[in-house]
Amino acid sequence: MPKPTILVVDDEQLIRWSLNDRLTQDGYRVVEASTAAEALEKYREGVDLVLLDYRLPDSDGLTVLK
């Protein structure tokens, strides 16, 4: 069975790194994005769960959810 994929979306690199480190240790495949546009692009590649920051440089989390 393939590992579940989690998309971590945050403009702060340290937060992405921390979540990536922890989730990878727990057996997940992690994909990162730092902007809303990048998040939508990565989401189209297929993910199982998204951890999404509310404030992003080019949009906000609620707009990305739509």
PDB file of N, CA and C in Angstrom:
ATOM      1  N   MET A   1       0.842  -1.177   0.000  1.00  0.00           N
ATOM      2  CA  MET A   1       0.000   0.000   0.000  1.00  0.00           C
ATOM      3  C   MET A   1       0.891   1.246   0.000  1.00  0.00           C
ATOM      4  N   PRO A   2       0.617   2.222  -0.874  1.00  0.00           N
ATOM      5  CA  PRO A   2       1.439   3.432  -0.911  1.00  0.00           C
ATOM      6  C   PRO A   2       1.216   4.292   0.334  1.00  0.00           C
ATOM      7  N   LYS A   3       2.233   5.056   0.669  1.00  0.00           N
ATOM      8  CA  LYS A   3       2.131   5.964   1.807  1.00  0.00           C
ATOM      9  C   LYS A   3       1.139   7.081   1.501  1.00  0.00           C
ATOM     10  N   PRO A   4       0.309   7.472   2.479  1.00  0.00           N
ATOM     11  CA  PRO A   4      -0.563   8.624   2.277  1.00  0.00           C
ATOM     12  C   PRO A   4       0.288   9.883   2.058  1.00  0.00           C
ATOM     13  N   THR A   5      -0.198  10.771   1.208  1.00  0.00           N
ATOM     14  CA  THR A   5       0.519  11.996   0.884  1.00  0.00           C
ATOM     15  C   THR A   5      -0.155  13.191   1.539  1.00  0.00           C
ATOM     16  N   ILE A   6       0.645  14.003   2.222  1.00  0.00           N
ATOM     17  CA  ILE A   6       0.154  15.210   2.886  1.00  0.00           C
ATOM     18  C   ILE A   6       0.806  16.423   2.229  1.00  0.00           C
ATOM     19  N   LEU A   7      -0.026  17.380   1.840  1.00  0.00           N
ATOM     20  CA  LEU A   7       0.458  18.645   1.294  1.00  0.00           C
ATOM     21  C   LEU A   7       0.504  19.659   2.427  1.00  0.00           C
ATOM     22  N   VAL A   8       1.696  20.175   2.719  1.00  0.00           N
ATOM     23  CA  VAL A   8       1.889  21.182   3.757  1.00  0.00           C
ATOM     24  C   VAL A   8       2.059  22.528   3.053  1.00  0.00           C
ATOM     25  N   VAL A   9       1.125  23.462   3.333  1.00  0.00           N
ATOM     26  CA  VAL A   9       1.141  24.776   2.690  1.00  0.00           C
ATOM     27  C   VAL A   9       1.353  25.843   3.750  1.00  0.00           C
ATOM     28  N   ASP A  10       2.515  26.475   3.715  1.00  0.00           N
ATOM     29  CA  ASP A  10       2.840  27.553   4.643  1.00  0.00           C
ATOM     30  C   ASP A  10       3.955  28.380   4.043  1.00  0.00           C
ATOM     31  N   ASP A  11       3.892  29.693   4.206  1.00  0.00           N
ATOM     32  CA  ASP A  11       4.941  30.545   3.645  1.00  0.00           C
ATOM     33  C   ASP A  11       6.186  30.589   4.527  1.00  0.00           C
ATOM     34  N   GLU A  12       6.103  30.059   5.735  1.00  0.00           N
ATOM     35  CA  GLU A  12       7.266  30.033   6.618  1.00  0.00           C
ATOM     36  C   GLU A  12       8.006  28.701   6.462  1.00  0.00           C
ATOM     37  N   GLN A  13       9.231  28.792   5.992  1.00  0.00           N
ATOM     38  CA  GLN A  13      10.034  27.605   5.700  1.00  0.00           C
ATOM     39  C   GLN A  13      10.240  26.747   6.931  1.00  0.00           C
ATOM     40  N   LEU A  14      10.446  27.346   8.099  1.00  0.00           N
ATOM     41  CA  LEU A  14      10.689  26.580   9.325  1.00  0.00           C
ATOM     42  C   LEU A  14       9.472  25.726   9.711  1.00  0.00           C
ATOM     43  N   ILE A  15       8.291  26.250   9.514  1.00  0.00           N
ATOM     44  CA  ILE A  15       7.083  25.472   9.804  1.00  0.00           C
ATOM     45  C   ILE A  15       6.966  24.302   8.841  1.00  0.00           C
ATOM     46  N   ARG A  16       7.200  24.555   7.546  1.00  0.00           N
ATOM     47  CA  ARG A  16       7.157  23.461   6.568  1.00  0.00           C
ATOM     48  C   ARG A  16       8.185  22.398   6.910  1.00  0.00           C
ATOM     49  N   TRP A  17       9.393  22.818   7.259  1.00  0.00           N
ATOM     50  CA  TRP A  17      10.451  21.873   7.598  1.00  0.00           C
ATOM     51  C   TRP A  17      10.063  21.028   8.811  1.00  0.00           C
ATOM     52  N   SER A  18       9.538  21.675   9.837  1.00  0.00           N
ATOM     53  CA  SER A  18       9.170  20.983  11.069  1.00  0.00           C
ATOM     54  C   SER A  18       8.066  19.953  10.815  1.00  0.00           C
ATOM     55  N   LEU A  19       7.032  20.366  10.098  1.00  0.00           N
ATOM     56  CA  LEU A  19       5.944  19.435   9.790  1.00  0.00           C
ATOM     57  C   LEU A  19       6.425  18.307   8.887  1.00  0.00           C
ATOM     58  N   ASN A  20       7.244  18.632   7.904  1.00  0.00           N
ATOM     59  CA  ASN A  20       7.789  17.620   7.001  1.00  0.00           C
ATOM     60  C   ASN A  20       8.591  16.593   7.788  1.00  0.00           C
ATOM     61  N   ASP A  21       9.444  17.061   8.665  1.00  0.00           N
ATOM     62  CA  ASP A  21      10.288  16.172   9.467  1.00  0.00           C
ATOM     63  C   ASP A  21       9.439  15.210  10.300  1.00  0.00           C
ATOM     64  N   ARG A  22       8.463  15.747  10.989  1.00  0.00           N
ATOM     65  CA  ARG A  22       7.629  14.935  11.876  1.00  0.00           C
ATOM     66  C   ARG A  22       6.750  13.953  11.092  1.00  0.00           C
ATOM     67  N   LEU A  23       6.105  14.460  10.055  1.00  0.00           N
ATOM     68  CA  LEU A  23       5.200  13.602   9.288  1.00  0.00           C
ATOM     69  C   LEU A  23       5.953  12.505   8.544  1.00  0.00           C
ATOM     70  N   THR A  24       7.139  12.806   8.058  1.00  0.00           N
ATOM     71  CA  THR A  24       7.958  11.804   7.389  1.00  0.00           C
ATOM     72  C   THR A  24       8.347  10.706   8.378  1.00  0.00           C
ATOM     73  N   GLN A  25       8.707  11.099   9.592  1.00  0.00           N
ATOM     74  CA  GLN A  25       9.035  10.118  10.634  1.00  0.00           C
ATOM     75  C   GLN A  25       7.844   9.209  10.933  1.00  0.00           C
ATOM     76  N   ASP A  26       6.639   9.747  10.791  1.00  0.00           N
ATOM     77  CA  ASP A  26       5.428   8.972  11.066  1.00  0.00           C
ATOM     78  C   ASP A  26       4.979   8.145   9.861  1.00  0.00           C
ATOM     79  N   GLY A  27       5.765   8.188   8.776  1.00  0.00           N
ATOM     80  CA  GLY A  27       5.483   7.315   7.645  1.00  0.00           C
ATOM     81  C   GLY A  27       4.701   7.922   6.498  1.00  0.00           C
ATOM     82  N   TYR A  28       4.507   9.236   6.510  1.00  0.00           N
ATOM     83  CA  TYR A  28       3.782   9.892   5.428  1.00  0.00           C
ATOM     84  C   TYR A  28       4.732  10.413   4.357  1.00  0.00           C
ATOM     85  N   ARG A  29       4.212  10.554   3.166  1.00  0.00           N
ATOM     86  CA  ARG A  29       4.933  11.246   2.094  1.00  0.00           C
ATOM     87  C   ARG A  29       4.470  12.693   2.165  1.00  0.00           C
ATOM     88  N   VAL A  30       5.410  13.642   2.185  1.00  0.00           N
ATOM     89  CA  VAL A  30       5.076  15.049   2.358  1.00  0.00           C
ATOM     90  C   VAL A  30       5.464  15.832   1.116  1.00  0.00           C
ATOM     91  N   VAL A  31       4.534  16.679   0.669  1.00  0.00           N
ATOM     92  CA  VAL A  31       4.765  17.604  -0.427  1.00  0.00           C
ATOM     93  C   VAL A  31       4.576  18.997   0.156  1.00  0.00           C
ATOM     94  N   GLU A  32       5.446  19.946  -0.217  1.00  0.00           N
ATOM     95  CA  GLU A  32       5.390  21.285   0.361  1.00  0.00           C
ATOM     96  C   GLU A  32       5.060  22.337  -0.688  1.00  0.00           C
ATOM     97  N   ALA A  33       4.392  23.414  -0.215  1.00  0.00           N
ATOM     98  CA  ALA A  33       4.128  24.581  -1.048  1.00  0.00           C
ATOM     99  C   ALA A  33       4.205  25.818  -0.166  1.00  0.00           C
ATOM    100  N   SER A  34       4.690  26.926  -0.735  1.00  0.00           N
ATOM    101  CA  SER A  34       4.823  28.155   0.044  1.00  0.00           C
ATOM    102  C   SER A  34       3.853  29.247  -0.396  1.00  0.00           C
ATOM    103  N   THR A  35       3.115  29.017  -1.481  1.00  0.00           N
ATOM    104  CA  THR A  35       2.134  29.984  -1.964  1.00  0.00           C
ATOM    105  C   THR A  35       0.845  29.256  -2.329  1.00  0.00           C
ATOM    106  N   ALA A  36      -0.227  30.025  -2.479  1.00  0.00           N
ATOM    107  CA  ALA A  36      -1.502  29.444  -2.882  1.00  0.00           C
ATOM    108  C   ALA A  36      -1.412  28.848  -4.276  1.00  0.00           C
ATOM    109  N   ALA A  37      -0.774  29.552  -5.192  1.00  0.00           N
ATOM    110  CA  ALA A  37      -0.643  29.058  -6.564  1.00  0.00           C
ATOM    111  C   ALA A  37       0.126  27.743  -6.602  1.00  0.00           C
ATOM    112  N   GLU A  38       1.201  27.684  -5.847  1.00  0.00           N
ATOM    113  CA  GLU A  38       1.995  26.451  -5.783  1.00  0.00           C
ATOM    114  C   GLU A  38       1.185  25.320  -5.143  1.00  0.00           C
ATOM    115  N   ALA A  39       0.393  25.654  -4.127  1.00  0.00           N
ATOM    116  CA  ALA A  39      -0.434  24.644  -3.456  1.00  0.00           C
ATOM    117  C   ALA A  39      -1.449  24.035  -4.419  1.00  0.00           C
ATOM    118  N   LEU A  40      -2.098  24.869  -5.218  1.00  0.00           N
ATOM    119  CA  LEU A  40      -3.092  24.362  -6.166  1.00  0.00           C
ATOM    120  C   LEU A  40      -2.443  23.475  -7.216  1.00  0.00           C
ATOM    121  N   GLU A  41      -1.246  23.853  -7.637  1.00  0.00           N
ATOM    122  CA  GLU A  41      -0.506  23.038  -8.613  1.00  0.00           C
ATOM    123  C   GLU A  41      -0.161  21.672  -8.021  1.00  0.00           C
ATOM    124  N   LYS A  42       0.358  21.669  -6.798  1.00  0.00           N
ATOM    125  CA  LYS A  42       0.745  20.407  -6.144  1.00  0.00           C
ATOM    126  C   LYS A  42      -0.484  19.554  -5.823  1.00  0.00           C
ATOM    127  N   TYR A  43      -1.600  20.211  -5.472  1.00  0.00           N
ATOM    128  CA  TYR A  43      -2.823  19.484  -5.154  1.00  0.00           C
ATOM    129  C   TYR A  43      -3.308  18.681  -6.361  1.00  0.00           C
ATOM    130  N   ARG A  44      -3.172  19.242  -7.535  1.00  0.00           N
ATOM    131  CA  ARG A  44      -3.602  18.551  -8.760  1.00  0.00           C
ATOM    132  C   ARG A  44      -2.804  17.272  -9.012  1.00  0.00           C
ATOM    133  N   GLU A  45      -1.619  17.179  -8.435  1.00  0.00           N
ATOM    134  CA  GLU A  45      -0.791  15.977  -8.587  1.00  0.00           C
ATOM    135  C   GLU A  45      -1.324  14.825  -7.741  1.00  0.00           C
ATOM    136  N   GLY A  46      -2.217  15.130  -6.801  1.00  0.00           N
ATOM    137  CA  GLY A  46      -2.829  14.103  -5.971  1.00  0.00           C
ATOM    138  C   GLY A  46      -2.273  14.056  -4.568  1.00  0.00           C
ATOM    139  N   VAL A  47      -3.099  14.392  -3.601  1.00  0.00           N
ATOM    140  CA  VAL A  47      -2.729  14.321  -2.181  1.00  0.00           C
ATOM    141  C   VAL A  47      -3.915  13.757  -1.408  1.00  0.00           C
ATOM    142  N   ASP A  48      -3.639  13.263  -0.222  1.00  0.00           N
ATOM    143  CA  ASP A  48      -4.686  12.699   0.622  1.00  0.00           C
ATOM    144  C   ASP A  48      -5.176  13.675   1.688  1.00  0.00           C
ATOM    145  N   LEU A  49      -4.307  14.603   2.098  1.00  0.00           N
ATOM    146  CA  LEU A  49      -4.638  15.552   3.152  1.00  0.00           C
ATOM    147  C   LEU A  49      -3.857  16.835   2.913  1.00  0.00           C
ATOM    148  N   VAL A  50      -4.468  17.979   3.270  1.00  0.00           N
ATOM    149  CA  VAL A  50      -3.784  19.273   3.130  1.00  0.00           C
ATOM    150  C   VAL A  50      -3.764  19.957   4.485  1.00  0.00           C
ATOM    151  N   LEU A  51      -2.576  20.391   4.899  1.00  0.00           N
ATOM    152  CA  LEU A  51      -2.418  21.254   6.068  1.00  0.00           C
ATOM    153  C   LEU A  51      -2.157  22.644   5.501  1.00  0.00           C
ATOM    154  N   LEU A  52      -3.108  23.554   5.695  1.00  0.00           N
ATOM    155  CA  LEU A  52      -3.112  24.824   4.973  1.00  0.00           C
ATOM    156  C   LEU A  52      -3.069  26.006   5.918  1.00  0.00           C
ATOM    157  N   ASP A  53      -2.090  26.879   5.718  1.00  0.00           N
ATOM    158  CA  ASP A  53      -1.978  28.122   6.473  1.00  0.00           C
ATOM    159  C   ASP A  53      -3.090  29.068   6.031  1.00  0.00           C
ATOM    160  N   TYR A  54      -3.581  29.871   6.951  1.00  0.00           N
ATOM    161  CA  TYR A  54      -4.636  30.821   6.604  1.00  0.00           C
ATOM    162  C   TYR A  54      -4.105  32.001   5.802  1.00  0.00           C
ATOM    163  N   ARG A  55      -2.927  32.506   6.181  1.00  0.00           N
ATOM    164  CA  ARG A  55      -2.361  33.676   5.499  1.00  0.00           C
ATOM    165  C   ARG A  55      -1.194  33.255   4.618  1.00  0.00           C
ATOM    166  N   LEU A  56      -1.343  33.514   3.333  1.00  0.00           N
ATOM    167  CA  LEU A  56      -0.295  33.209   2.362  1.00  0.00           C
ATOM    168  C   LEU A  56       0.039  34.474   1.592  1.00  0.00           C
ATOM    169  N   PRO A  57       1.220  34.558   1.001  1.00  0.00           N
ATOM    170  CA  PRO A  57       1.629  35.806   0.332  1.00  0.00           C
ATOM    171  C   PRO A  57       0.734  36.202  -0.847  1.00  0.00           C
ATOM    172  N   ASP A  58       0.149  35.245  -1.534  1.00  0.00           N
ATOM    173  CA  ASP A  58      -0.612  35.569  -2.739  1.00  0.00           C
ATOM    174  C   ASP A  58      -2.113  35.317  -2.601  1.00  0.00           C
ATOM    175  N   SER A  59      -2.570  34.881  -1.426  1.00  0.00           N
ATOM    176  CA  SER A  59      -3.994  34.606  -1.208  1.00  0.00           C
ATOM    177  C   SER A  59      -4.185  34.262   0.260  1.00  0.00           C
ATOM    178  N   ASP A  60      -5.375  33.760   0.576  1.00  0.00           N
ATOM    179  CA  ASP A  60      -5.595  33.263   1.931  1.00  0.00           C
ATOM    180  C   ASP A  60      -6.137  31.835   1.858  1.00  0.00           C
ATOM    181  N   GLY A  61      -6.065  31.144   2.961  1.00  0.00           N
ATOM    182  CA  GLY A  61      -6.437  29.741   2.998  1.00  0.00           C
ATOM    183  C   GLY A  61      -7.883  29.466   2.604  1.00  0.00           C
ATOM    184  N   LEU A  62      -8.801  30.354   2.960  1.00  0.00           N
ATOM    185  CA  LEU A  62     -10.199  30.139   2.617  1.00  0.00           C
ATOM    186  C   LEU A  62     -10.426  30.196   1.111  1.00  0.00           C
ATOM    187  N   THR A  63      -9.730  31.082   0.440  1.00  0.00           N
ATOM    188  CA  THR A  63      -9.845  31.171  -1.015  1.00  0.00           C
ATOM    189  C   THR A  63      -9.286  29.914  -1.670  1.00  0.00           C
ATOM    190  N   VAL A  64      -8.189  29.411  -1.139  1.00  0.00           N
ATOM    191  CA  VAL A  64      -7.588  28.179  -1.680  1.00  0.00           C
ATOM    192  C   VAL A  64      -8.544  27.008  -1.496  1.00  0.00           C
ATOM    193  N   LEU A  65      -9.257  26.941  -0.393  1.00  0.00           N
ATOM    194  CA  LEU A  65     -10.181  25.846  -0.141  1.00  0.00           C
ATOM    195  C   LEU A  65     -11.309  25.789  -1.170  1.00  0.00           C
ATOM    196  N   LYS A  66     -11.747  26.942  -1.639  1.00  0.00           N
ATOM    197  CA  LYS A  66     -12.819  26.978  -2.640  1.00  0.00           C
ATOM    198  C   LYS A  66     -12.366  26.338  -3.904  1.00  0.00           C
TER     199      LYS A  66
END
